[in-house]
Structures are given as C-alpha cells and as structure tokens.
Amino acid sequence: MSTPSLKERLASGKVVHGAFMFMPSPAAVELLAAAGFDFVIIDQEHSPKSWETVENMLRAAEACGMAAVIRVQRNEPGAILHALEVGAHGVVVPFVRSVEDVRAARAAMLYPPHGVRGLCTQTRTAGYGIHRAGFADYAGRRAQELVLIGLIEDPDGIRNIGSIAAEENGLDAMLIGRGDLAATMGRLGDTNNADLTVAVQGAIATTLAASAGRVPAGITIFDVAECPPWRDHGCNLFVAASEANMFLSAAQRWISQGCTPL
C-alpha cells in the first residue's frame, strides 16, 4: 500500500482519528484528509454506494495519503471479499457479538489455507494482474497490513467483550457503536444515559485488560467535546459518527452566529 499503515497507527498507542463516510463523495474524503484525519470508514451498511463510487473514494484517500476501510453490510465472506477486492485497507464488521464472529471475519479476509477468501489476481487490490507472478508473497504482505475493526453494538457484544478482545490474530481495534447499543438496551436515541455509559466504560476497561493493551478501544462520537472524557477512560480511537454530521454542525454554527453562507 502507498498510504501510511493504519494497522501500525492503531498499534502505536497514540490517538487515532477516523470518520464514517455516508455521502458518496470522493471530494468529502479529500476534505477530511486535508483536515488531518488518520482514516475514513466508507459506509456500506446504512448508505450503500455503487462499487465504482467506493473505488473512487478509495482512490481519493490514497491520493491524499490517508487510509480508508469499509464498513460492510454484514459479517459475511462475500461482503468482505468485495470490500477488499476494490482496495480497502480493511473492514469494519457490524454487530460483533462473539469470538466466533471475529474468527469468521478474519477467515473471510485471508486466503487459504489460513482463511476462506476467494482468489482472483485481476482485481484492483491485486494491481489488475501485476502481482500475479509471486502472488503468494504479495498476498502474505497484504494480509499483514489489512485491518479488522469490530463494532460492539448490543448487550451480547458487551457481555462477551473479554473473549472477543483476547482472541489472538483477531481484532485490530474494538469500536463501540453507542447508537445501536442504546437502542438494544431499550434507550433508543439516548446515547448518553447512565446505564449505557457504565456499560461502555466497562467494555473499554475489559478490552484493554483482556488484550493486554494490544487491542485499542474506540468509540463513535457525535461531538468533539466527547473526546477528552473518553480518552480519560482509556479510548485512543475516536470515530466521528459521520462527515454529514460534522458538515451539518459547522453549517448550524455558521447560521447561529449570525452569518449567511455564500
């Protein structure tokens, strides 16, 4: 890969900033790269895009020296295969509930004999055939760079977070999705209620303890002011809920301060 290794950044222990991308816009990717984000998550779960658009968003990230991963629709080999074949630097898997989910996702990312990923040497990620000679060596190097991020979004994931985090060659980062977690706890839309906060704090502590600090703990945020308190609780991965939310917030501040957009 020509972009800086997201895997190395996550493993460094330093704060890493990402953002979900819901809009089908390579230009928005470039904007976030210019702002200094470490990576983006191109969403295919809630806002599916054509694969041509996704490829162009990946190209925009790579041209700016920024990593880009894809949140797949489901933890399924075909969905993960498509994301990797177009050149994503890894995948974000929704609703990780058990260590079996982690193993299934990792297997889908790797070629046999280590996994179940289907082989094609003519895809974008394989250089359209340029890596066909010596493909085994190329695939081995590529596998070492791919990132697997697990979204913890319901009580089952919270309960099993210890075994999920402890899995060797499992997650490269754990990310709490507070929106779905609140909903599955019976608090739809209330991402700051006390019970959810306690559950998230416990999941962060368990992740760091069970993985001996190997798996970074992350959280989706809806406002930048949330970062410092969650950093104090052990998070070093912060993912903005969406680029659309950031753009909307900036526009609302513009209006509220008495300015008229051009």
Protein backbone atom coordinates (compact mmCIF):
# COMPACT_ATOMS: atom_id res chain seq x y z
CA MET A 1 0.00 0.00 0.00
CA SER A 2 1.18 3.53 -0.68
CA THR A 3 -0.71 5.03 2.24
CA PRO A 4 0.60 5.03 5.82
CA SER A 5 -0.24 1.80 7.61
CA LEU A 6 -3.41 2.18 9.65
CA LYS A 7 -2.51 -1.06 11.41
CA GLU A 8 0.72 0.47 12.68
CA ARG A 9 -1.08 3.60 13.82
CA LEU A 10 -3.63 1.60 15.78
CA ALA A 11 -0.89 -0.47 17.39
CA SER A 12 1.17 2.57 18.32
CA GLY A 13 -0.92 3.51 21.34
CA LYS A 14 -1.32 7.04 20.03
CA VAL A 15 -4.68 8.72 19.49
CA VAL A 16 -6.16 7.84 16.09
CA HIS A 17 -8.96 9.83 14.46
CA GLY A 18 -11.41 8.48 11.90
CA ALA A 19 -14.79 9.36 10.45
CA PHE A 20 -17.67 7.45 8.96
CA MET A 21 -18.39 8.46 5.35
CA PHE A 22 -22.07 8.31 4.43
CA MET A 23 -22.10 10.64 1.44
CA PRO A 24 -20.98 9.16 -1.91
CA SER A 25 -18.30 11.81 -2.37
CA PRO A 26 -14.57 11.48 -3.14
CA ALA A 27 -14.36 15.25 -2.55
CA ALA A 28 -15.56 14.78 1.04
CA VAL A 29 -12.81 12.20 1.53
CA GLU A 30 -10.26 14.74 0.34
CA LEU A 31 -11.66 17.35 2.74
CA LEU A 32 -11.25 15.06 5.74
CA ALA A 33 -7.73 14.16 4.66
CA ALA A 34 -6.90 17.88 4.41
CA ALA A 35 -8.33 18.36 7.90
CA GLY A 36 -5.87 15.79 9.26
CA PHE A 37 -7.96 12.66 9.83
CA ASP A 38 -5.97 9.42 10.01
CA PHE A 39 -8.55 7.34 8.17
CA VAL A 40 -12.14 7.15 6.97
CA ILE A 41 -14.73 4.39 7.15
CA ILE A 42 -16.73 4.21 3.92
CA ASP A 43 -20.18 3.03 4.97
CA GLN A 44 -21.89 0.28 3.01
CA GLU A 45 -24.30 -0.79 5.78
CA HIS A 46 -26.66 2.16 6.15
CA SER A 47 -25.79 4.11 2.99
CA PRO A 48 -24.83 1.64 0.26
CA LYS A 49 -22.92 3.10 -2.67
CA SER A 50 -22.03 1.73 -6.07
CA TRP A 51 -18.71 -0.08 -6.10
CA GLU A 52 -17.48 2.38 -8.73
CA THR A 53 -18.14 5.23 -6.29
CA VAL A 54 -16.45 3.32 -3.47
CA GLU A 55 -13.39 2.74 -5.66
CA ASN A 56 -13.17 6.47 -6.38
CA MET A 57 -13.46 7.29 -2.68
CA LEU A 58 -10.62 4.85 -2.01
CA ARG A 59 -8.55 6.47 -4.75
CA ALA A 60 -9.16 9.89 -3.19
CA ALA A 61 -7.97 8.64 0.20
CA GLU A 62 -4.87 7.02 -1.27
CA ALA A 63 -4.03 10.14 -3.31
CA CYS A 64 -4.12 12.13 -0.06
CA GLY A 65 -2.01 9.60 1.85
CA MET A 66 -4.90 8.57 4.10
CA ALA A 67 -6.14 5.05 4.84
CA ALA A 68 -9.71 4.00 4.09
CA VAL A 69 -11.65 0.98 5.32
CA ILE A 70 -15.18 -0.16 4.52
CA ARG A 71 -18.00 -0.93 6.93
CA VAL A 72 -19.55 -3.94 5.28
CA GLN A 73 -23.26 -4.65 5.30
CA ARG A 74 -22.84 -7.86 7.28
CA ASN A 75 -20.21 -10.28 8.58
CA GLU A 76 -20.33 -12.46 5.51
CA PRO A 77 -17.49 -13.70 3.25
CA GLY A 78 -18.94 -12.21 0.07
CA ALA A 79 -19.39 -8.75 1.57
CA ILE A 80 -15.87 -8.74 3.00
CA LEU A 81 -14.43 -10.09 -0.26
CA HIS A 82 -15.97 -7.26 -2.30
CA ALA A 83 -14.64 -4.63 0.11
CA LEU A 84 -11.11 -5.97 -0.07
CA GLU A 85 -11.08 -6.57 -3.82
CA VAL A 86 -11.75 -2.90 -4.57
CA GLY A 87 -8.74 -1.97 -2.44
CA ALA A 88 -9.97 -1.17 1.09
CA HIS A 89 -7.28 -1.17 3.75
CA GLY A 90 -9.55 -3.30 5.92
CA VAL A 91 -13.11 -3.74 7.08
CA VAL A 92 -15.36 -2.68 9.93
CA VAL A 93 -17.72 -5.51 10.84
CA PRO A 94 -21.07 -4.57 12.42
CA PHE A 95 -22.66 -6.33 15.39
CA VAL A 96 -19.71 -8.38 16.61
CA ARG A 97 -21.21 -10.49 19.39
CA SER A 98 -18.74 -13.31 19.98
CA VAL A 99 -15.25 -14.59 19.35
CA GLU A 100 -16.75 -16.77 16.62
CA ASP A 101 -17.79 -13.60 14.79
CA VAL A 102 -14.21 -12.35 14.97
CA ARG A 103 -12.82 -15.64 13.66
CA ALA A 104 -15.30 -15.69 10.79
CA ALA A 105 -14.42 -12.15 9.74
CA ARG A 106 -10.68 -12.79 9.89
CA ALA A 107 -11.08 -16.00 7.88
CA ALA A 108 -13.00 -14.08 5.21
CA MET A 109 -10.06 -11.67 4.91
CA LEU A 110 -7.40 -14.36 4.37
CA TYR A 111 -6.69 -16.74 1.52
CA PRO A 112 -6.45 -20.50 2.09
CA PRO A 113 -5.00 -22.25 3.99
CA HIS A 114 -5.41 -19.53 6.63
CA GLY A 115 -8.87 -18.41 5.56
CA VAL A 116 -11.67 -18.80 3.03
CA ARG A 117 -11.21 -15.76 0.81
CA GLY A 118 -11.76 -16.43 -2.88
CA LEU A 119 -8.78 -15.85 -5.15
CA CYS A 120 -8.60 -13.52 -8.14
CA THR A 121 -5.35 -11.98 -9.37
CA GLN A 122 -7.04 -9.45 -11.71
CA THR A 123 -8.74 -7.12 -9.21
CA ARG A 124 -7.82 -3.57 -8.22
CA THR A 125 -6.26 -4.72 -4.98
CA ALA A 126 -4.06 -7.14 -6.95
CA GLY A 127 -2.94 -4.42 -9.33
CA TYR A 128 -5.16 -5.70 -12.14
CA GLY A 129 -2.82 -8.65 -12.60
CA ILE A 130 0.54 -7.02 -11.95
CA HIS A 131 1.02 -9.13 -8.80
CA ARG A 132 0.04 -12.40 -10.47
CA ALA A 133 3.66 -13.54 -10.60
CA GLY A 134 4.64 -14.18 -6.99
CA PHE A 135 1.08 -13.67 -5.83
CA ALA A 136 1.61 -15.76 -2.69
CA ASP A 137 4.29 -13.36 -1.45
CA TYR A 138 2.16 -10.35 -2.30
CA ALA A 139 -0.87 -11.82 -0.55
CA GLY A 140 1.19 -12.53 2.56
CA ARG A 141 2.42 -8.94 2.75
CA ARG A 142 -1.06 -7.60 2.11
CA ALA A 143 -2.56 -9.76 4.85
CA GLN A 144 -0.17 -8.23 7.37
CA GLU A 145 -1.50 -4.75 6.57
CA LEU A 146 -5.25 -5.38 6.50
CA VAL A 147 -7.21 -4.02 9.44
CA LEU A 148 -10.18 -5.67 11.15
CA ILE A 149 -12.29 -3.42 13.37
CA GLY A 150 -15.20 -4.93 15.28
CA LEU A 151 -18.27 -2.89 16.12
CA ILE A 152 -19.77 -3.72 19.52
CA GLU A 153 -23.41 -2.70 19.28
CA ASP A 154 -25.56 -4.80 21.59
CA PRO A 155 -25.56 -6.39 25.08
CA ASP A 156 -24.24 -9.73 23.75
CA GLY A 157 -21.15 -7.98 22.43
CA ILE A 158 -20.68 -6.20 25.73
CA ARG A 159 -21.03 -9.45 27.70
CA ASN A 160 -18.50 -11.27 25.50
CA ILE A 161 -16.05 -8.41 25.12
CA GLY A 162 -13.36 -10.20 27.16
CA SER A 163 -13.11 -13.21 24.85
CA ILE A 164 -13.53 -11.01 21.79
CA ALA A 165 -10.59 -8.82 22.77
CA ALA A 166 -8.40 -11.72 23.89
CA GLU A 167 -8.56 -13.57 20.56
CA GLU A 168 -5.08 -13.85 19.05
CA ASN A 169 -4.87 -12.59 15.48
CA GLY A 170 -8.37 -11.22 15.99
CA LEU A 171 -9.41 -7.57 16.11
CA ASP A 172 -7.03 -4.73 15.37
CA ALA A 173 -9.40 -2.40 17.21
CA MET A 174 -12.69 -2.50 19.08
CA LEU A 175 -15.25 0.21 18.34
CA ILE A 176 -18.34 0.86 20.44
CA GLY A 177 -21.40 1.91 18.44
CA ARG A 178 -23.46 3.76 21.02
CA GLY A 179 -26.46 4.34 18.75
CA ASP A 180 -27.36 0.69 18.28
CA LEU A 181 -26.19 -0.19 21.79
CA ALA A 182 -28.59 2.34 23.30
CA ALA A 183 -31.42 1.01 21.13
CA THR A 184 -30.77 -2.62 22.09
CA MET A 185 -30.72 -1.58 25.75
CA GLY A 186 -34.18 -0.07 25.37
CA ARG A 187 -32.97 3.55 25.21
CA LEU A 188 -33.43 4.42 21.54
CA GLY A 189 -31.72 7.71 20.71
CA ASP A 190 -30.32 8.23 24.21
CA THR A 191 -26.58 7.74 23.72
CA ASN A 192 -25.62 9.45 26.97
CA ASN A 193 -27.81 7.64 29.50
CA ALA A 194 -26.10 6.48 32.67
CA ASP A 195 -26.58 2.72 32.17
CA LEU A 196 -25.10 2.83 28.69
CA THR A 197 -22.16 4.94 29.86
CA VAL A 198 -21.35 2.42 32.60
CA ALA A 199 -21.58 -0.45 30.10
CA VAL A 200 -19.25 1.30 27.67
CA GLN A 201 -16.75 2.17 30.37
CA GLY A 202 -16.70 -1.45 31.48
CA ALA A 203 -16.25 -2.68 27.89
CA ILE A 204 -13.30 -0.35 27.39
CA ALA A 205 -11.59 -1.49 30.58
CA THR A 206 -12.21 -5.16 29.78
CA THR A 207 -10.89 -4.78 26.24
CA LEU A 208 -7.64 -3.25 27.40
CA ALA A 209 -7.19 -5.80 30.19
CA ALA A 210 -8.13 -8.90 28.19
CA SER A 211 -5.88 -7.96 25.27
CA ALA A 212 -3.05 -6.66 27.48
CA GLY A 213 -3.40 -3.37 25.63
CA ARG A 214 -2.97 -4.99 22.22
CA VAL A 215 -6.48 -4.07 21.03
CA PRO A 216 -7.19 -0.32 21.07
CA ALA A 217 -10.56 0.70 22.49
CA GLY A 218 -12.57 3.02 20.29
CA ILE A 219 -15.85 4.87 20.37
CA THR A 220 -18.08 6.69 17.91
CA ILE A 221 -18.58 10.30 18.88
CA PHE A 222 -21.21 12.87 17.96
CA ASP A 223 -19.33 15.96 19.17
CA VAL A 224 -15.63 16.65 19.54
CA ALA A 225 -16.17 17.67 23.17
CA GLU A 226 -16.79 13.99 23.95
CA CYS A 227 -13.19 13.04 23.17
CA PRO A 228 -11.35 14.16 26.33
CA PRO A 229 -13.55 12.30 28.87
CA TRP A 230 -13.48 9.09 26.82
CA ARG A 231 -9.73 9.46 26.41
CA ASP A 232 -9.53 9.55 30.23
CA HIS A 233 -11.40 6.22 30.28
CA GLY A 234 -8.84 4.57 28.01
CA CYS A 235 -10.05 5.24 24.45
CA ASN A 236 -7.44 6.18 21.89
CA LEU A 237 -9.57 5.61 18.78
CA PHE A 238 -12.22 8.20 18.03
CA VAL A 239 -14.53 7.90 15.03
CA ALA A 240 -16.83 10.78 14.15
CA ALA A 241 -20.37 9.50 13.66
CA SER A 242 -20.40 10.88 10.11
CA GLU A 243 -18.93 13.51 7.84
CA ALA A 244 -22.51 14.67 7.27
CA ASN A 245 -22.90 15.35 11.00
CA MET A 246 -19.71 17.42 11.02
CA PHE A 247 -20.75 19.42 7.98
CA LEU A 248 -24.22 19.99 9.42
CA SER A 249 -22.82 21.10 12.78
CA ALA A 250 -20.47 23.56 11.09
CA ALA A 251 -23.32 24.95 8.98
CA GLN A 252 -25.55 25.32 12.04
CA ARG A 253 -22.79 27.17 13.92
CA TRP A 254 -22.40 29.48 10.93
CA ILE A 255 -26.10 30.33 10.95
CA SER A 256 -26.37 30.61 14.76
CA GLN A 257 -23.52 33.10 14.83
CA GLY A 258 -25.46 35.42 12.52
CA CYS A 259 -23.60 34.72 9.29
CA THR A 260 -25.18 33.96 5.96
CA PRO A 261 -23.50 31.26 3.87
CA LEU A 262 -22.38 32.34 0.42
